[in-house]
C-alpha cells in the first residue's frame, strides 16, 4: 500500500512540475513582474512540499495549487498595501512635525552653495526634500523614481554633501555646521 501512495505522490509532484509554466504565467499576469511571480511560485512549491502529504489526486492537486497561488497573491498585495501605508504614515509624520525653524536658520549657508557641486540627481532631491521640505514620496514622484529608490538616492546625496562640506568648511562641518562662521577654504573644483 505504501508503494502505491509513493507513486501517487510522485505523480502529483510531476503534475505540479509539468504545470510550472502555466502557474508562472498565471502569477506574472497578476503581478506584472516575472521576478515577483517566480518568487511567489517558489514559495508556493515549498509550501506544497510541507503540506503535500494530504494530496492524493493529480487534478485536485493542480486545483489546490491554484487556490494556494491565489492566496499567495492576496498576501502579496496585502503586504504591498501595508508597506505603502507605512511610507505614507512616515511621510505624514515628517510633515506634521516639520523642522525646527530656529535650527533651519542656523544651518550653514555653505549647503546652498555646495548643492551645484553634487550630481544633478543628488542636488535636485536634496533641494526638494531638505530645502523645500517635500516628502520623499512626493519628491520621488516629481523626479520620476520610486520612493524606495528616492530614499537610497537621498542617503547617498546626504553622504556626498557631507563630504563636500567637510572638504569645504573643515571642522565646523564635522561638528554639525550649526552657527557656522567658517571662512571657506579654497580647494580646486569648489566654488569660492
Protein backbone atom coordinates (compact mmCIF):
# COMPACT_ATOMS: atom_id res chain seq x y z
CA UNK A 1 0.00 0.00 0.00
CA UNK A 2 2.84 2.41 0.82
CA UNK A 3 4.27 1.77 -2.63
CA UNK A 4 1.01 2.89 -4.25
CA UNK A 5 0.90 6.05 -2.11
CA UNK A 6 4.53 6.84 -3.05
CA UNK A 7 3.69 6.51 -6.73
CA UNK A 8 0.64 8.73 -6.24
CA UNK A 9 2.78 11.38 -4.52
CA UNK A 10 5.32 11.25 -7.34
CA UNK A 11 2.61 11.64 -9.97
CA UNK A 12 1.17 14.63 -8.09
CA UNK A 13 4.59 16.28 -7.89
CA UNK A 14 5.11 15.55 -11.59
CA UNK A 15 1.71 17.10 -12.43
CA UNK A 16 2.60 20.24 -10.49
CA UNK A 17 6.06 20.48 -12.04
CA UNK A 18 4.60 19.92 -15.51
CA UNK A 19 2.23 22.86 -14.86
CA UNK A 20 5.07 25.14 -13.76
CA UNK A 21 4.91 27.22 -16.94
CA UNK A 22 1.14 27.73 -16.55
CA UNK A 23 1.46 28.63 -12.86
CA UNK A 24 4.19 31.14 -13.64
CA UNK A 25 2.15 32.75 -16.41
CA UNK A 26 -0.88 32.90 -14.09
CA UNK A 27 1.13 34.78 -11.45
CA UNK A 28 3.04 37.00 -13.86
CA UNK A 29 -0.19 38.29 -15.42
CA UNK A 30 -1.40 39.31 -11.98
CA UNK A 31 1.76 40.88 -10.53
CA UNK A 32 3.32 42.28 -13.71
CA UNK A 33 6.80 41.08 -12.82
CA UNK A 34 8.46 37.80 -13.71
CA UNK A 35 10.83 38.03 -10.73
CA UNK A 36 7.98 38.53 -8.25
CA UNK A 37 5.98 35.76 -9.93
CA UNK A 38 8.93 33.37 -9.67
CA UNK A 39 9.39 34.27 -6.00
CA UNK A 40 5.72 33.64 -5.23
CA UNK A 41 5.75 30.38 -7.19
CA UNK A 42 8.84 29.12 -5.40
CA UNK A 43 7.28 29.87 -2.01
CA UNK A 44 4.13 28.01 -3.08
CA UNK A 45 6.17 24.96 -4.13
CA UNK A 46 7.90 24.97 -0.76
CA UNK A 47 4.55 25.14 1.00
CA UNK A 48 3.31 22.27 -1.16
CA UNK A 49 6.25 20.14 -0.09
CA UNK A 50 5.36 20.88 3.53
CA UNK A 51 1.62 20.16 3.11
CA UNK A 52 1.71 17.83 0.12
CA UNK A 53 1.15 14.60 2.07
CA UNK A 54 -2.59 15.33 2.09
CA UNK A 55 -2.78 15.41 -1.72
CA UNK A 56 -3.93 12.18 -3.36
CA UNK A 57 -5.28 13.12 -6.77
CA UNK A 58 -3.45 14.92 -9.62
CA UNK A 59 -6.43 17.00 -10.77
CA UNK A 60 -7.29 18.04 -7.24
CA UNK A 61 -3.63 18.83 -6.57
CA UNK A 62 -3.49 21.27 -9.50
CA UNK A 63 -6.75 22.92 -8.44
CA UNK A 64 -5.49 23.09 -4.83
CA UNK A 65 -2.23 24.63 -6.08
CA UNK A 66 -4.12 27.35 -7.98
CA UNK A 67 -6.01 28.16 -4.75
CA UNK A 68 -2.67 28.31 -2.98
CA UNK A 69 -1.37 30.72 -5.65
CA UNK A 70 -4.47 32.92 -5.32
CA UNK A 71 -3.93 33.08 -1.56
CA UNK A 72 -0.27 33.95 -2.15
CA UNK A 73 -1.38 36.80 -4.43
CA UNK A 74 -3.75 38.14 -1.79
CA UNK A 75 -0.95 38.01 0.79
CA UNK A 76 1.43 39.71 -1.65
CA UNK A 77 -0.97 42.59 -2.31
CA UNK A 78 -1.79 42.95 1.40
CA UNK A 79 1.92 43.22 2.16
CA UNK A 80 2.37 45.84 -0.58
CA UNK A 81 -0.58 47.84 0.75
CA UNK A 82 0.79 47.66 4.29
CA UNK A 83 4.19 48.89 3.11
CA UNK A 84 2.53 51.75 1.23
CA UNK A 85 0.56 52.71 4.37
CA UNK A 86 3.78 52.75 6.43
CA UNK A 87 5.51 55.00 3.87
CA UNK A 88 2.51 57.31 3.79
CA UNK A 89 2.31 57.46 7.60
CA UNK A 90 6.03 58.23 7.86
CA UNK A 91 5.65 60.90 5.22
CA UNK A 92 2.73 62.50 7.08
CA UNK A 93 4.59 62.35 10.40
CA UNK A 94 7.59 64.05 8.85
CA UNK A 95 5.46 66.88 7.50
CA UNK A 96 3.43 67.22 10.73
CA UNK A 97 6.48 67.52 12.97
CA UNK A 98 8.49 69.52 10.48
CA UNK A 99 11.91 71.04 11.05
CA UNK A 100 12.62 73.49 13.84
CA UNK A 101 12.54 76.99 12.26
CA UNK A 102 15.32 78.22 14.56
CA UNK A 103 17.51 75.30 13.57
CA UNK A 104 16.80 75.90 9.90
CA UNK A 105 18.06 79.49 10.20
CA UNK A 106 21.33 78.34 11.72
CA UNK A 107 22.16 75.72 9.10
CA UNK A 108 25.38 76.51 7.29
CA UNK A 109 24.86 78.73 4.26
CA UNK A 110 27.52 76.68 2.51
CA UNK A 111 24.94 73.94 1.82
CA UNK A 112 23.14 76.03 -0.78
CA UNK A 113 26.40 76.89 -2.46
CA UNK A 114 27.62 73.29 -2.49
CA UNK A 115 24.48 71.68 -3.96
CA UNK A 116 25.54 72.52 -7.55
CA UNK A 117 28.82 70.64 -6.99
CA UNK A 118 26.92 67.36 -6.50
CA UNK A 119 25.49 65.09 -9.19
CA UNK A 120 22.37 66.77 -10.60
CA UNK A 121 20.08 63.97 -9.40
CA UNK A 122 21.52 64.32 -5.87
CA UNK A 123 21.25 68.10 -5.72
CA UNK A 124 17.68 68.05 -7.08
CA UNK A 125 16.49 65.53 -4.49
CA UNK A 126 18.27 67.35 -1.64
CA UNK A 127 16.79 70.66 -2.78
CA UNK A 128 13.26 69.24 -2.84
CA UNK A 129 13.41 67.27 0.42
CA UNK A 130 15.69 69.37 2.59
CA UNK A 131 15.18 72.92 1.33
CA UNK A 132 11.61 72.79 0.00
CA UNK A 133 10.55 70.33 2.74
CA UNK A 134 8.73 68.00 0.38
CA UNK A 135 8.12 64.41 1.48
CA UNK A 136 10.32 61.70 0.00
CA UNK A 137 7.39 60.06 -1.89
CA UNK A 138 6.36 63.47 -3.25
CA UNK A 139 9.91 64.29 -4.37
CA UNK A 140 10.27 60.80 -5.86
CA UNK A 141 7.16 61.31 -7.96
CA UNK A 142 8.44 64.70 -9.11
CA UNK A 143 11.71 63.23 -10.40
CA UNK A 144 10.10 60.04 -11.75
CA UNK A 145 11.54 57.38 -9.41
CA UNK A 146 10.11 55.08 -6.74
CA UNK A 147 10.03 56.20 -3.09
CA UNK A 148 12.44 53.38 -2.20
CA UNK A 149 14.88 54.48 -4.91
CA UNK A 150 14.50 58.07 -3.69
CA UNK A 151 15.32 57.01 -0.14
CA UNK A 152 18.52 55.32 -1.28
CA UNK A 153 19.44 58.24 -3.52
CA UNK A 154 18.74 60.72 -0.71
CA UNK A 155 21.02 58.80 1.64
CA UNK A 156 23.82 58.85 -0.95
CA UNK A 157 23.20 62.53 -1.67
CA UNK A 158 23.48 63.40 2.02
CA UNK A 159 26.74 61.46 2.25
CA UNK A 160 28.13 63.27 -0.80
CA UNK A 161 27.05 66.64 0.61
CA UNK A 162 28.66 65.81 3.94
CA UNK A 163 31.95 65.03 2.19
CA UNK A 164 31.77 68.30 0.24
CA UNK A 165 31.02 70.24 3.44
CA UNK A 166 33.93 68.64 5.27
CA UNK A 167 36.29 69.48 2.42
CA UNK A 168 34.94 72.99 2.12
CA UNK A 169 34.26 74.01 5.71
CA UNK A 170 36.64 71.78 7.63
CA UNK A 171 35.96 71.07 11.27
CA UNK A 172 32.80 73.17 11.64
CA UNK A 173 31.06 70.80 9.19
CA UNK A 174 32.39 67.76 11.02
CA UNK A 175 30.89 69.03 14.28
CA UNK A 176 27.44 69.79 12.95
CA UNK A 177 27.79 73.01 10.99
CA UNK A 178 25.49 74.90 13.35
CA UNK A 179 26.29 78.55 13.92
CA UNK A 180 28.72 78.34 11.02
CA UNK A 181 31.26 81.08 10.96
CA UNK A 182 33.87 79.34 8.85
CA UNK A 183 35.84 81.04 6.15
CA UNK A 184 35.53 78.59 3.31
CA UNK A 185 38.81 77.04 2.40
CA UNK A 186 39.64 77.31 -1.25
CA UNK A 187 40.04 73.97 -2.93
CA UNK A 188 40.20 73.05 -6.60
CA UNK A 189 36.77 72.27 -8.00
CA UNK A 190 34.84 74.05 -5.23
CA UNK A 191 33.12 77.37 -5.83
CA UNK A 192 34.61 80.33 -3.99
